[in-house]
């Protein structure tokens, strides 16, 4: 059942991927990765870190 669902999603995504409405021009985008780590101890002053990785703008 899971394979049929994945196959159906793949087929419909390929069918719906038409470029008829695409207008040429400029666009801006990007992606990144943000991690928040905090120790789960009973200590209220546990260290918490925020790491920002792979910040890409194109």
PDB file of N, CA and C in Angstrom:
ATOM      1  N   UNK A   1       0.827  -1.197   0.000  1.00  0.00           N
ATOM      2  CA  UNK A   1       0.000   0.000   0.000  1.00  0.00           C
ATOM      3  C   UNK A   1       0.870   1.259   0.000  1.00  0.00           C
ATOM      4  N   UNK A   2       1.961   1.210   0.777  1.00  0.00           N
ATOM      5  CA  UNK A   2       2.853   2.363   0.857  1.00  0.00           C
ATOM      6  C   UNK A   2       3.520   2.618  -0.495  1.00  0.00           C
ATOM      7  N   UNK A   3       3.894   1.552  -1.191  1.00  0.00           N
ATOM      8  CA  UNK A   3       4.527   1.708  -2.507  1.00  0.00           C
ATOM      9  C   UNK A   3       3.564   2.311  -3.518  1.00  0.00           C
ATOM     10  N   UNK A   4       2.308   1.907  -3.454  1.00  0.00           N
ATOM     11  CA  UNK A   4       1.311   2.442  -4.377  1.00  0.00           C
ATOM     12  C   UNK A   4       1.111   3.933  -4.133  1.00  0.00           C
ATOM     13  N   UNK A   5       1.070   4.320  -2.872  1.00  0.00           N
ATOM     14  CA  UNK A   5       0.904   5.732  -2.531  1.00  0.00           C
ATOM     15  C   UNK A   5       2.093   6.557  -3.012  1.00  0.00           C
ATOM     16  N   UNK A   6       3.291   6.061  -2.803  1.00  0.00           N
ATOM     17  CA  UNK A   6       4.493   6.777  -3.257  1.00  0.00           C
ATOM     18  C   UNK A   6       4.514   6.873  -4.775  1.00  0.00           C
ATOM     19  N   UNK A   7       4.144   5.794  -5.456  1.00  0.00           N
ATOM     20  CA  UNK A   7       4.099   5.800  -6.919  1.00  0.00           C
ATOM     21  C   UNK A   7       3.054   6.793  -7.426  1.00  0.00           C
ATOM     22  N   UNK A   8       1.895   6.831  -6.787  1.00  0.00           N
ATOM     23  CA  UNK A   8       0.846   7.766  -7.202  1.00  0.00           C
ATOM     24  C   UNK A   8       1.293   9.211  -7.011  1.00  0.00           C
ATOM     25  N   UNK A   9       1.945   9.506  -5.902  1.00  0.00           N
ATOM     26  CA  UNK A   9       2.440  10.867  -5.660  1.00  0.00           C
ATOM     27  C   UNK A   9       3.483  11.248  -6.701  1.00  0.00           C
ATOM     28  N   UNK A  10       4.380  10.316  -7.031  1.00  0.00           N
ATOM     29  CA  UNK A  10       5.414  10.597  -8.028  1.00  0.00           C
ATOM     30  C   UNK A  10       4.801  10.856  -9.401  1.00  0.00           C
ATOM     31  N   UNK A  11       3.825  10.044  -9.784  1.00  0.00           N
ATOM     32  CA  UNK A  11       3.188  10.210 -11.095  1.00  0.00           C
ATOM     33  C   UNK A  11       2.444  11.540 -11.168  1.00  0.00           C
ATOM     34  N   UNK A  12       1.657  11.868 -10.146  1.00  0.00           N
ATOM     35  CA  UNK A  12       0.908  13.120 -10.166  1.00  0.00           C
ATOM     36  C   UNK A  12       1.822  14.336 -10.109  1.00  0.00           C
ATOM     37  N   UNK A  13       2.935  14.243  -9.411  1.00  0.00           N
ATOM     38  CA  UNK A  13       3.845  15.388  -9.366  1.00  0.00           C
ATOM     39  C   UNK A  13       4.506  15.612 -10.721  1.00  0.00           C
ATOM     40  N   UNK A  14       4.777  14.531 -11.464  1.00  0.00           N
ATOM     41  CA  UNK A  14       5.350  14.690 -12.801  1.00  0.00           C
ATOM     42  C   UNK A  14       4.315  15.228 -13.785  1.00  0.00           C
ATOM     43  N   UNK A  15       3.080  14.806 -13.630  1.00  0.00           N
ATOM     44  CA  UNK A  15       2.023  15.286 -14.516  1.00  0.00           C
ATOM     45  C   UNK A  15       1.765  16.773 -14.285  1.00  0.00           C
ATOM     46  N   UNK A  16       1.749  17.180 -13.028  1.00  0.00           N
ATOM     47  CA  UNK A  16       1.420  18.563 -12.693  1.00  0.00           C
ATOM     48  C   UNK A  16       2.603  19.514 -12.866  1.00  0.00           C
ATOM     49  N   UNK A  17       3.779  19.009 -13.179  1.00  0.00           N
ATOM     50  CA  UNK A  17       4.974  19.847 -13.300  1.00  0.00           C
ATOM     51  C   UNK A  17       5.089  20.409 -14.712  1.00  0.00           C
ATOM     52  N   UNK A  18       4.173  21.261 -15.081  1.00  0.00           N
ATOM     53  CA  UNK A  18       4.182  21.869 -16.398  1.00  0.00           C
ATOM     54  C   UNK A  18       4.686  23.298 -16.281  1.00  0.00           C
ATOM     55  N   UNK A  19       5.396  23.736 -17.295  1.00  0.00           N
ATOM     56  CA  UNK A  19       5.963  25.081 -17.281  1.00  0.00           C
ATOM     57  C   UNK A  19       5.147  26.069 -18.107  1.00  0.00           C
ATOM     58  N   UNK A  20       3.867  25.820 -18.313  1.00  0.00           N
ATOM     59  CA  UNK A  20       3.042  26.711 -19.122  1.00  0.00           C
ATOM     60  C   UNK A  20       2.848  28.071 -18.463  1.00  0.00           C
ATOM     61  N   UNK A  21       2.833  28.127 -17.164  1.00  0.00           N
ATOM     62  CA  UNK A  21       2.575  29.380 -16.467  1.00  0.00           C
ATOM     63  C   UNK A  21       3.845  30.097 -16.048  1.00  0.00           C
ATOM     64  N   UNK A  22       5.002  29.543 -16.339  1.00  0.00           N
ATOM     65  CA  UNK A  22       6.271  30.123 -15.895  1.00  0.00           C
ATOM     66  C   UNK A  22       6.585  31.380 -16.686  1.00  0.00           C
ATOM     67  N   UNK A  23       6.884  32.451 -15.983  1.00  0.00           N
ATOM     68  CA  UNK A  23       7.295  33.695 -16.605  1.00  0.00           C
ATOM     69  C   UNK A  23       8.766  33.931 -16.293  1.00  0.00           C
ATOM     70  N   UNK A  24       9.603  34.143 -17.303  1.00  0.00           N
ATOM     71  CA  UNK A  24      11.026  34.365 -17.035  1.00  0.00           C
ATOM     72  C   UNK A  24      11.244  35.659 -16.262  1.00  0.00           C
ATOM     73  N   UNK A  25      12.240  35.648 -15.430  1.00  0.00           N
ATOM     74  CA  UNK A  25      12.569  36.823 -14.630  1.00  0.00           C
ATOM     75  C   UNK A  25      13.581  36.455 -13.566  1.00  0.00           C
ATOM     76  N   UNK A  26      13.736  37.326 -12.607  1.00  0.00           N
ATOM     77  CA  UNK A  26      14.680  37.105 -11.529  1.00  0.00           C
ATOM     78  C   UNK A  26      13.947  36.652 -10.277  1.00  0.00           C
ATOM     79  N   UNK A  27      14.622  35.859  -9.503  1.00  0.00           N
ATOM     80  CA  UNK A  27      14.057  35.436  -8.221  1.00  0.00           C
ATOM     81  C   UNK A  27      15.185  35.314  -7.208  1.00  0.00           C
ATOM     82  N   UNK A  28      14.822  35.353  -5.956  1.00  0.00           N
ATOM     83  CA  UNK A  28      15.791  35.197  -4.885  1.00  0.00           C
ATOM     84  C   UNK A  28      15.292  34.084  -3.977  1.00  0.00           C
ATOM     85  N   UNK A  29      16.213  33.322  -3.482  1.00  0.00           N
ATOM     86  CA  UNK A  29      15.842  32.225  -2.597  1.00  0.00           C
ATOM     87  C   UNK A  29      17.003  31.857  -1.706  1.00  0.00           C
ATOM     88  N   UNK A  30      16.801  30.848  -0.930  1.00  0.00           N
ATOM     89  CA  UNK A  30      17.855  30.398  -0.046  1.00  0.00           C
ATOM     90  C   UNK A  30      17.397  29.272   0.837  1.00  0.00           C
ATOM     91  N   UNK A  31      18.346  28.752   1.578  1.00  0.00           N
ATOM     92  CA  UNK A  31      18.043  27.699   2.533  1.00  0.00           C
ATOM     93  C   UNK A  31      19.111  27.695   3.610  1.00  0.00           C
ATOM     94  N   UNK A  32      18.828  27.017   4.663  1.00  0.00           N
ATOM     95  CA  UNK A  32      19.773  26.935   5.763  1.00  0.00           C
ATOM     96  C   UNK A  32      19.344  25.879   6.747  1.00  0.00           C
ATOM     97  N   UNK A  33      20.106  25.754   7.787  1.00  0.00           N
ATOM     98  CA  UNK A  33      19.836  24.749   8.805  1.00  0.00           C
ATOM     99  C   UNK A  33      20.096  25.387  10.163  1.00  0.00           C
ATOM    100  N   UNK A  34      19.153  25.251  11.061  1.00  0.00           N
ATOM    101  CA  UNK A  34      19.235  25.857  12.376  1.00  0.00           C
ATOM    102  C   UNK A  34      19.015  24.778  13.418  1.00  0.00           C
ATOM    103  N   UNK A  35      19.954  24.645  14.349  1.00  0.00           N
ATOM    104  CA  UNK A  35      19.852  23.637  15.413  1.00  0.00           C
ATOM    105  C   UNK A  35      19.814  24.328  16.767  1.00  0.00           C
ATOM    106  N   UNK A  36      18.914  23.883  17.613  1.00  0.00           N
ATOM    107  CA  UNK A  36      18.827  24.372  18.987  1.00  0.00           C
ATOM    108  C   UNK A  36      19.023  23.178  19.906  1.00  0.00           C
ATOM    109  N   UNK A  37      20.044  23.218  20.727  1.00  0.00           N
ATOM    110  CA  UNK A  37      20.356  22.120  21.641  1.00  0.00           C
ATOM    111  C   UNK A  37      20.318  22.622  23.073  1.00  0.00           C
ATOM    112  N   UNK A  38      19.616  21.875  23.908  1.00  0.00           N
ATOM    113  CA  UNK A  38      19.542  22.206  25.328  1.00  0.00           C
ATOM    114  C   UNK A  38      19.551  20.907  26.115  1.00  0.00           C
ATOM    115  N   UNK A  39      20.416  20.834  27.097  1.00  0.00           N
ATOM    116  CA  UNK A  39      20.521  19.631  27.922  1.00  0.00           C
ATOM    117  C   UNK A  39      19.250  19.463  28.744  1.00  0.00           C
ATOM    118  N   UNK A  40      18.755  18.246  28.844  1.00  0.00           N
ATOM    119  CA  UNK A  40      17.532  17.977  29.605  1.00  0.00           C
ATOM    120  C   UNK A  40      17.881  17.455  30.989  1.00  0.00           C
ATOM    121  N   UNK A  41      18.522  18.284  31.745  1.00  0.00           N
ATOM    122  CA  UNK A  41      18.821  17.953  33.130  1.00  0.00           C
ATOM    123  C   UNK A  41      17.901  18.779  34.013  1.00  0.00           C
ATOM    124  N   UNK A  42      17.903  18.521  35.281  1.00  0.00           N
ATOM    125  CA  UNK A  42      17.073  19.284  36.197  1.00  0.00           C
ATOM    126  C   UNK A  42      17.613  20.674  36.464  1.00  0.00           C
ATOM    127  N   UNK A  43      18.785  20.964  35.966  1.00  0.00           N
ATOM    128  CA  UNK A  43      19.441  22.249  36.194  1.00  0.00           C
ATOM    129  C   UNK A  43      18.796  23.339  35.340  1.00  0.00           C
ATOM    130  N   UNK A  44      18.380  24.427  35.976  1.00  0.00           N
ATOM    131  CA  UNK A  44      17.759  25.516  35.226  1.00  0.00           C
ATOM    132  C   UNK A  44      18.776  26.315  34.429  1.00  0.00           C
ATOM    133  N   UNK A  45      20.038  26.242  34.820  1.00  0.00           N
ATOM    134  CA  UNK A  45      21.078  26.991  34.117  1.00  0.00           C
ATOM    135  C   UNK A  45      21.844  26.088  33.151  1.00  0.00           C
ATOM    136  N   UNK A  46      21.168  25.133  32.570  1.00  0.00           N
ATOM    137  CA  UNK A  46      21.813  24.251  31.598  1.00  0.00           C
ATOM    138  C   UNK A  46      22.170  25.063  30.352  1.00  0.00           C
ATOM    139  N   UNK A  47      23.241  24.673  29.716  1.00  0.00           N
ATOM    140  CA  UNK A  47      23.677  25.416  28.540  1.00  0.00           C
ATOM    141  C   UNK A  47      22.759  25.113  27.360  1.00  0.00           C
ATOM    142  N   UNK A  48      22.429  26.142  26.661  1.00  0.00           N
ATOM    143  CA  UNK A  48      21.632  26.022  25.446  1.00  0.00           C
ATOM    144  C   UNK A  48      22.443  26.635  24.309  1.00  0.00           C
ATOM    145  N   UNK A  49      22.487  25.951  23.197  1.00  0.00           N
ATOM    146  CA  UNK A  49      23.246  26.460  22.056  1.00  0.00           C
ATOM    147  C   UNK A  49      22.339  26.549  20.842  1.00  0.00           C
ATOM    148  N   UNK A  50      22.576  27.551  20.053  1.00  0.00           N
ATOM    149  CA  UNK A  50      21.862  27.769  18.810  1.00  0.00           C
ATOM    150  C   UNK A  50      22.910  27.800  17.707  1.00  0.00           C
ATOM    151  N   UNK A  51      22.869  26.824  16.806  1.00  0.00           N
ATOM    152  CA  UNK A  51      23.845  26.710  15.724  1.00  0.00           C
ATOM    153  C   UNK A  51      23.150  26.948  14.391  1.00  0.00           C
ATOM    154  N   UNK A  52      23.735  27.823  13.596  1.00  0.00           N
ATOM    155  CA  UNK A  52      23.200  28.138  12.280  1.00  0.00           C
ATOM    156  C   UNK A  52      24.184  27.608  11.253  1.00  0.00           C
ATOM    157  N   UNK A  53      23.776  26.628  10.478  1.00  0.00           N
ATOM    158  CA  UNK A  53      24.658  25.960   9.521  1.00  0.00           C
ATOM    159  C   UNK A  53      24.165  26.187   8.094  1.00  0.00           C
ATOM    160  N   UNK A  54      25.067  26.151   7.174  1.00  0.00           N
ATOM    161  CA  UNK A  54      24.787  26.139   5.739  1.00  0.00           C
ATOM    162  C   UNK A  54      23.759  27.186   5.314  1.00  0.00           C
ATOM    163  N   UNK A  55      24.027  28.419   5.589  1.00  0.00           N
ATOM    164  CA  UNK A  55      23.142  29.500   5.175  1.00  0.00           C
ATOM    165  C   UNK A  55      23.505  29.897   3.751  1.00  0.00           C
ATOM    166  N   UNK A  56      22.605  29.656   2.812  1.00  0.00           N
ATOM    167  CA  UNK A  56      22.864  29.897   1.395  1.00  0.00           C
ATOM    168  C   UNK A  56      21.787  30.827   0.836  1.00  0.00           C
ATOM    169  N   UNK A  57      22.217  31.871   0.157  1.00  0.00           N
ATOM    170  CA  UNK A  57      21.294  32.757  -0.555  1.00  0.00           C
ATOM    171  C   UNK A  57      21.675  32.712  -2.027  1.00  0.00           C
ATOM    172  N   UNK A  58      20.684  32.557  -2.876  1.00  0.00           N
ATOM    173  CA  UNK A  58      20.936  32.546  -4.324  1.00  0.00           C
ATOM    174  C   UNK A  58      19.900  33.373  -5.037  1.00  0.00           C
TER     175      UNK A  58
END
